[in-house]
Amino acid sequence: MKKIEAIIKPFKLDEVKEALSAINIQGMTMMEVKGFGRQKGHTELYRGSEYVVDFIPKIKIELVVAESMVEKVVKVIEKTAWTGKIGDGKIFVSSIEETLRIRTGERGEIAL
């Protein structure tokens, strides 16, 4: 099993969610986060004063999938989150040793 974490632009969330649903991904966790990468924030104007926005609002999605689904899921996220502009985000893939469904006690991929 693998855990996929993706940091994407907020307005891409619904599109990514629908695309994942279309390939039978049944669950994910979403968090509103803030951060910066190469874009290093930006300046904005408020009531005539300029100020720096260091941390840009992003969405972090997390899902755990069977190893056989990893490439498909990563490609779907990459394709649907892409805008071609700086700040499109990142995708991280890491190994998961065990999964346990609390309600039933099921373990491993069946618990996904």
N, C-alpha and C. Protein backbone atom coordinates (compact mmCIF):
# COMPACT_ATOMS: atom_id res chain seq x y z
N MET A 1 0.84 -1.18 0.00
CA MET A 1 0.00 0.00 0.00
C MET A 1 0.88 1.24 0.00
N LYS A 2 0.36 2.29 -0.59
CA LYS A 2 1.10 3.55 -0.68
C LYS A 2 0.19 4.70 -0.26
N LYS A 3 0.81 5.69 0.37
CA LYS A 3 0.11 6.92 0.73
C LYS A 3 0.51 7.98 -0.29
N ILE A 4 -0.49 8.63 -0.85
CA ILE A 4 -0.25 9.70 -1.82
C ILE A 4 -0.72 10.99 -1.17
N GLU A 5 0.19 11.95 -1.12
CA GLU A 5 -0.13 13.29 -0.61
C GLU A 5 0.07 14.25 -1.77
N ALA A 6 -0.92 15.09 -2.00
CA ALA A 6 -0.81 16.07 -3.08
C ALA A 6 -1.16 17.45 -2.55
N ILE A 7 -0.32 18.40 -2.89
CA ILE A 7 -0.58 19.81 -2.57
C ILE A 7 -1.01 20.45 -3.88
N ILE A 8 -2.22 21.01 -3.91
CA ILE A 8 -2.76 21.56 -5.15
C ILE A 8 -3.37 22.94 -4.91
N LYS A 9 -3.69 23.62 -6.00
CA LYS A 9 -4.37 24.91 -5.89
C LYS A 9 -5.81 24.67 -5.47
N PRO A 10 -6.35 25.53 -4.59
CA PRO A 10 -7.70 25.31 -4.06
C PRO A 10 -8.79 25.16 -5.12
N PHE A 11 -8.73 25.92 -6.19
CA PHE A 11 -9.80 25.86 -7.18
C PHE A 11 -9.77 24.58 -8.01
N LYS A 12 -8.74 23.76 -7.84
CA LYS A 12 -8.64 22.49 -8.56
C LYS A 12 -9.21 21.31 -7.76
N LEU A 13 -9.61 21.52 -6.52
CA LEU A 13 -10.04 20.43 -5.65
C LEU A 13 -11.21 19.64 -6.24
N ASP A 14 -12.27 20.30 -6.66
CA ASP A 14 -13.44 19.58 -7.17
C ASP A 14 -13.10 18.76 -8.41
N GLU A 15 -12.32 19.33 -9.28
CA GLU A 15 -11.92 18.63 -10.51
C GLU A 15 -11.09 17.38 -10.18
N VAL A 16 -10.15 17.51 -9.25
CA VAL A 16 -9.32 16.37 -8.85
C VAL A 16 -10.19 15.32 -8.17
N LYS A 17 -11.09 15.74 -7.29
CA LYS A 17 -11.97 14.80 -6.59
C LYS A 17 -12.83 14.01 -7.58
N GLU A 18 -13.41 14.68 -8.55
CA GLU A 18 -14.24 14.01 -9.55
C GLU A 18 -13.42 13.04 -10.40
N ALA A 19 -12.21 13.43 -10.76
CA ALA A 19 -11.35 12.56 -11.57
C ALA A 19 -10.95 11.31 -10.79
N LEU A 20 -10.68 11.47 -9.50
CA LEU A 20 -10.34 10.31 -8.66
C LEU A 20 -11.55 9.40 -8.49
N SER A 21 -12.72 9.99 -8.35
CA SER A 21 -13.95 9.20 -8.25
C SER A 21 -14.18 8.39 -9.51
N ALA A 22 -13.85 8.97 -10.66
CA ALA A 22 -14.04 8.30 -11.95
C ALA A 22 -13.17 7.05 -12.08
N ILE A 23 -12.06 6.97 -11.32
CA ILE A 23 -11.23 5.76 -11.37
C ILE A 23 -11.42 4.90 -10.11
N ASN A 24 -12.58 5.09 -9.47
CA ASN A 24 -13.02 4.29 -8.32
C ASN A 24 -12.19 4.47 -7.05
N ILE A 25 -11.65 5.65 -6.84
CA ILE A 25 -11.02 5.96 -5.56
C ILE A 25 -12.14 6.36 -4.62
N GLN A 26 -12.29 5.63 -3.53
CA GLN A 26 -13.46 5.78 -2.68
C GLN A 26 -13.27 6.68 -1.47
N GLY A 27 -12.06 7.05 -1.15
CA GLY A 27 -11.89 7.90 0.02
C GLY A 27 -10.62 8.71 -0.04
N MET A 28 -10.69 9.90 0.52
CA MET A 28 -9.51 10.75 0.64
C MET A 28 -9.75 11.74 1.76
N THR A 29 -8.68 12.31 2.24
CA THR A 29 -8.75 13.34 3.26
C THR A 29 -8.26 14.64 2.65
N MET A 30 -8.93 15.74 2.98
CA MET A 30 -8.56 17.04 2.44
C MET A 30 -8.34 18.00 3.59
N MET A 31 -7.29 18.82 3.47
CA MET A 31 -7.01 19.85 4.47
C MET A 31 -6.69 21.16 3.77
N GLU A 32 -7.11 22.25 4.35
CA GLU A 32 -6.69 23.56 3.86
C GLU A 32 -5.37 23.86 4.54
N VAL A 33 -4.35 24.14 3.75
CA VAL A 33 -3.01 24.42 4.28
C VAL A 33 -2.48 25.70 3.65
N LYS A 34 -1.38 26.19 4.18
CA LYS A 34 -0.70 27.34 3.60
C LYS A 34 0.77 27.01 3.50
N GLY A 35 1.41 27.50 2.46
CA GLY A 35 2.83 27.25 2.29
C GLY A 35 3.40 28.03 1.14
N PHE A 36 4.68 27.80 0.89
CA PHE A 36 5.29 28.43 -0.28
C PHE A 36 6.41 27.54 -0.77
N GLY A 37 6.71 27.67 -2.02
CA GLY A 37 7.82 26.96 -2.65
C GLY A 37 8.65 27.97 -3.41
N ARG A 38 8.90 27.68 -4.65
CA ARG A 38 9.69 28.59 -5.47
C ARG A 38 9.02 29.93 -5.67
N GLN A 39 7.69 29.97 -5.58
CA GLN A 39 6.99 31.23 -5.84
C GLN A 39 7.23 32.26 -4.73
N LYS A 40 7.64 31.82 -3.55
CA LYS A 40 8.04 32.70 -2.44
C LYS A 40 6.99 33.74 -2.04
N GLY A 41 5.72 33.44 -2.20
CA GLY A 41 4.68 34.40 -1.81
C GLY A 41 4.54 35.50 -2.84
N HIS A 42 3.78 36.52 -2.48
CA HIS A 42 3.57 37.65 -3.38
C HIS A 42 3.13 38.87 -2.57
N THR A 43 3.10 40.02 -3.23
CA THR A 43 2.65 41.24 -2.54
C THR A 43 1.23 41.57 -3.00
N GLU A 44 0.47 42.14 -2.10
CA GLU A 44 -0.89 42.57 -2.40
C GLU A 44 -1.08 43.99 -1.89
N LEU A 45 -2.10 44.63 -2.41
CA LEU A 45 -2.42 45.99 -2.02
C LEU A 45 -3.71 45.97 -1.21
N TYR A 46 -3.72 46.59 -0.03
CA TYR A 46 -4.92 46.68 0.79
C TYR A 46 -5.04 48.09 1.33
N ARG A 47 -6.10 48.78 0.93
CA ARG A 47 -6.35 50.17 1.34
C ARG A 47 -5.12 51.05 1.11
N GLY A 48 -4.52 50.88 -0.03
CA GLY A 48 -3.39 51.72 -0.40
C GLY A 48 -2.05 51.28 0.15
N SER A 49 -2.02 50.28 1.00
CA SER A 49 -0.76 49.81 1.57
C SER A 49 -0.40 48.45 0.96
N GLU A 50 0.88 48.32 0.64
CA GLU A 50 1.37 47.06 0.10
C GLU A 50 1.84 46.15 1.23
N TYR A 51 1.49 44.89 1.15
CA TYR A 51 1.98 43.95 2.15
C TYR A 51 2.32 42.62 1.48
N VAL A 52 3.18 41.84 2.14
CA VAL A 52 3.66 40.58 1.59
C VAL A 52 2.83 39.43 2.13
N VAL A 53 2.38 38.57 1.24
CA VAL A 53 1.69 37.34 1.62
C VAL A 53 2.73 36.23 1.48
N ASP A 54 3.29 35.78 2.61
CA ASP A 54 4.36 34.77 2.59
C ASP A 54 3.83 33.37 2.30
N PHE A 55 2.71 33.03 2.91
CA PHE A 55 2.17 31.68 2.77
C PHE A 55 0.93 31.72 1.89
N ILE A 56 0.96 30.93 0.84
CA ILE A 56 -0.12 30.88 -0.13
C ILE A 56 -1.11 29.77 0.26
N PRO A 57 -2.42 30.05 0.22
CA PRO A 57 -3.40 29.00 0.53
C PRO A 57 -3.34 27.87 -0.50
N LYS A 58 -3.33 26.65 -0.01
CA LYS A 58 -3.30 25.45 -0.85
C LYS A 58 -4.24 24.42 -0.26
N ILE A 59 -4.45 23.35 -0.99
CA ILE A 59 -5.22 22.20 -0.51
C ILE A 59 -4.28 21.01 -0.48
N LYS A 60 -4.33 20.25 0.62
CA LYS A 60 -3.55 19.02 0.71
C LYS A 60 -4.53 17.86 0.74
N ILE A 61 -4.37 16.95 -0.22
CA ILE A 61 -5.20 15.75 -0.19
C ILE A 61 -4.31 14.56 0.11
N GLU A 62 -4.86 13.62 0.87
CA GLU A 62 -4.14 12.40 1.24
C GLU A 62 -5.04 11.22 0.93
N LEU A 63 -4.45 10.18 0.35
CA LEU A 63 -5.18 8.95 0.13
C LEU A 63 -4.22 7.78 0.18
N VAL A 64 -4.71 6.64 0.61
CA VAL A 64 -3.92 5.42 0.66
C VAL A 64 -4.54 4.46 -0.35
N VAL A 65 -3.69 3.92 -1.23
CA VAL A 65 -4.17 3.06 -2.30
C VAL A 65 -3.32 1.80 -2.39
N ALA A 66 -3.87 0.80 -3.06
CA ALA A 66 -3.10 -0.40 -3.35
C ALA A 66 -1.94 -0.02 -4.27
N GLU A 67 -0.84 -0.72 -4.13
CA GLU A 67 0.35 -0.41 -4.93
C GLU A 67 0.05 -0.43 -6.43
N SER A 68 -0.85 -1.29 -6.85
CA SER A 68 -1.19 -1.41 -8.27
C SER A 68 -1.90 -0.17 -8.81
N MET A 69 -2.42 0.70 -7.93
CA MET A 69 -3.16 1.90 -8.35
C MET A 69 -2.32 3.17 -8.31
N VAL A 70 -1.12 3.10 -7.78
CA VAL A 70 -0.33 4.31 -7.54
C VAL A 70 -0.10 5.12 -8.81
N GLU A 71 0.41 4.51 -9.86
CA GLU A 71 0.72 5.25 -11.09
C GLU A 71 -0.52 5.90 -11.67
N LYS A 72 -1.62 5.18 -11.67
CA LYS A 72 -2.87 5.70 -12.22
C LYS A 72 -3.35 6.92 -11.43
N VAL A 73 -3.32 6.82 -10.11
CA VAL A 73 -3.76 7.91 -9.24
C VAL A 73 -2.85 9.13 -9.42
N VAL A 74 -1.54 8.92 -9.43
CA VAL A 74 -0.60 10.03 -9.59
C VAL A 74 -0.83 10.72 -10.92
N LYS A 75 -1.02 9.97 -11.99
CA LYS A 75 -1.26 10.57 -13.31
C LYS A 75 -2.55 11.37 -13.34
N VAL A 76 -3.60 10.85 -12.70
CA VAL A 76 -4.88 11.56 -12.66
C VAL A 76 -4.74 12.88 -11.91
N ILE A 77 -4.07 12.85 -10.77
CA ILE A 77 -3.88 14.09 -10.00
C ILE A 77 -3.03 15.08 -10.80
N GLU A 78 -1.93 14.58 -11.37
CA GLU A 78 -1.04 15.45 -12.15
C GLU A 78 -1.80 16.11 -13.30
N LYS A 79 -2.58 15.33 -14.02
CA LYS A 79 -3.31 15.86 -15.19
C LYS A 79 -4.38 16.87 -14.79
N THR A 80 -5.14 16.57 -13.73
CA THR A 80 -6.26 17.45 -13.39
C THR A 80 -5.84 18.66 -12.56
N ALA A 81 -4.73 18.59 -11.83
CA ALA A 81 -4.28 19.73 -11.02
C ALA A 81 -3.41 20.70 -11.82
N TRP A 82 -2.98 20.29 -13.00
CA TRP A 82 -2.04 21.09 -13.80
C TRP A 82 -2.70 22.34 -14.37
N THR A 83 -2.02 23.49 -14.21
CA THR A 83 -2.44 24.74 -14.88
C THR A 83 -1.33 25.26 -15.77
N GLY A 84 -0.11 24.76 -15.53
CA GLY A 84 1.03 25.25 -16.29
C GLY A 84 1.67 26.49 -15.69
N LYS A 85 1.16 26.92 -14.54
CA LYS A 85 1.69 28.12 -13.89
C LYS A 85 2.40 27.73 -12.60
N ILE A 86 3.29 28.61 -12.15
CA ILE A 86 4.02 28.36 -10.92
C ILE A 86 3.03 28.15 -9.77
N GLY A 87 3.35 27.22 -8.88
CA GLY A 87 2.48 26.95 -7.74
C GLY A 87 1.46 25.85 -7.98
N ASP A 88 1.59 25.09 -9.07
CA ASP A 88 0.65 24.00 -9.33
C ASP A 88 0.67 22.95 -8.23
N GLY A 89 1.79 22.78 -7.54
CA GLY A 89 1.83 21.89 -6.40
C GLY A 89 2.84 20.77 -6.52
N LYS A 90 2.68 19.79 -5.64
CA LYS A 90 3.58 18.65 -5.56
C LYS A 90 2.77 17.41 -5.23
N ILE A 91 3.33 16.25 -5.59
CA ILE A 91 2.75 14.96 -5.21
C ILE A 91 3.85 14.15 -4.54
N PHE A 92 3.52 13.57 -3.39
CA PHE A 92 4.46 12.74 -2.65
C PHE A 92 3.89 11.34 -2.51
N VAL A 93 4.72 10.33 -2.67
CA VAL A 93 4.29 8.94 -2.52
C VAL A 93 5.18 8.28 -1.47
N SER A 94 4.55 7.65 -0.49
CA SER A 94 5.33 6.95 0.55
C SER A 94 4.67 5.61 0.86
N SER A 95 5.44 4.73 1.48
CA SER A 95 4.95 3.39 1.79
C SER A 95 4.13 3.38 3.08
N ILE A 96 3.12 2.52 3.09
CA ILE A 96 2.31 2.30 4.28
C ILE A 96 2.49 0.84 4.67
N GLU A 97 2.84 0.61 5.90
CA GLU A 97 3.09 -0.76 6.36
C GLU A 97 1.82 -1.50 6.71
N GLU A 98 0.84 -0.81 7.29
CA GLU A 98 -0.36 -1.51 7.74
C GLU A 98 -1.54 -0.56 7.72
N THR A 99 -2.71 -1.11 7.47
CA THR A 99 -3.96 -0.37 7.56
C THR A 99 -4.93 -1.22 8.36
N LEU A 100 -5.69 -0.58 9.24
CA LEU A 100 -6.66 -1.29 10.06
C LEU A 100 -7.96 -0.49 10.06
N ARG A 101 -9.05 -1.14 9.69
CA ARG A 101 -10.37 -0.51 9.76
C ARG A 101 -10.88 -0.71 11.18
N ILE A 102 -11.06 0.36 11.90
CA ILE A 102 -11.42 0.29 13.32
C ILE A 102 -12.74 -0.45 13.54
N ARG A 103 -13.75 -0.16 12.75
CA ARG A 103 -15.08 -0.74 12.96
C ARG A 103 -15.09 -2.25 12.84
N THR A 104 -14.38 -2.80 11.84
CA THR A 104 -14.47 -4.24 11.57
C THR A 104 -13.23 -5.04 11.96
N GLY A 105 -12.14 -4.35 12.18
CA GLY A 105 -10.89 -5.04 12.48
C GLY A 105 -10.17 -5.55 11.24
N GLU A 106 -10.70 -5.27 10.05
CA GLU A 106 -10.04 -5.69 8.81
C GLU A 106 -8.68 -5.03 8.70
N ARG A 107 -7.74 -5.76 8.10
CA ARG A 107 -6.38 -5.26 7.96
C ARG A 107 -5.92 -5.35 6.51
N GLY A 108 -4.92 -4.52 6.17
CA GLY A 108 -4.33 -4.55 4.83
C GLY A 108 -5.21 -3.87 3.80
N GLU A 109 -5.03 -4.25 2.54
CA GLU A 109 -5.74 -3.59 1.44
C GLU A 109 -7.25 -3.69 1.56
N ILE A 110 -7.75 -4.76 2.16
CA ILE A 110 -9.19 -4.91 2.32
C ILE A 110 -9.78 -3.82 3.21
N ALA A 111 -8.94 -3.24 4.07
CA ALA A 111 -9.39 -2.17 4.97
C ALA A 111 -9.44 -0.81 4.29
N LEU A 112 -8.92 -0.72 3.08
CA LEU A 112 -8.94 0.55 2.39
C LEU A 112 -10.37 0.90 1.97
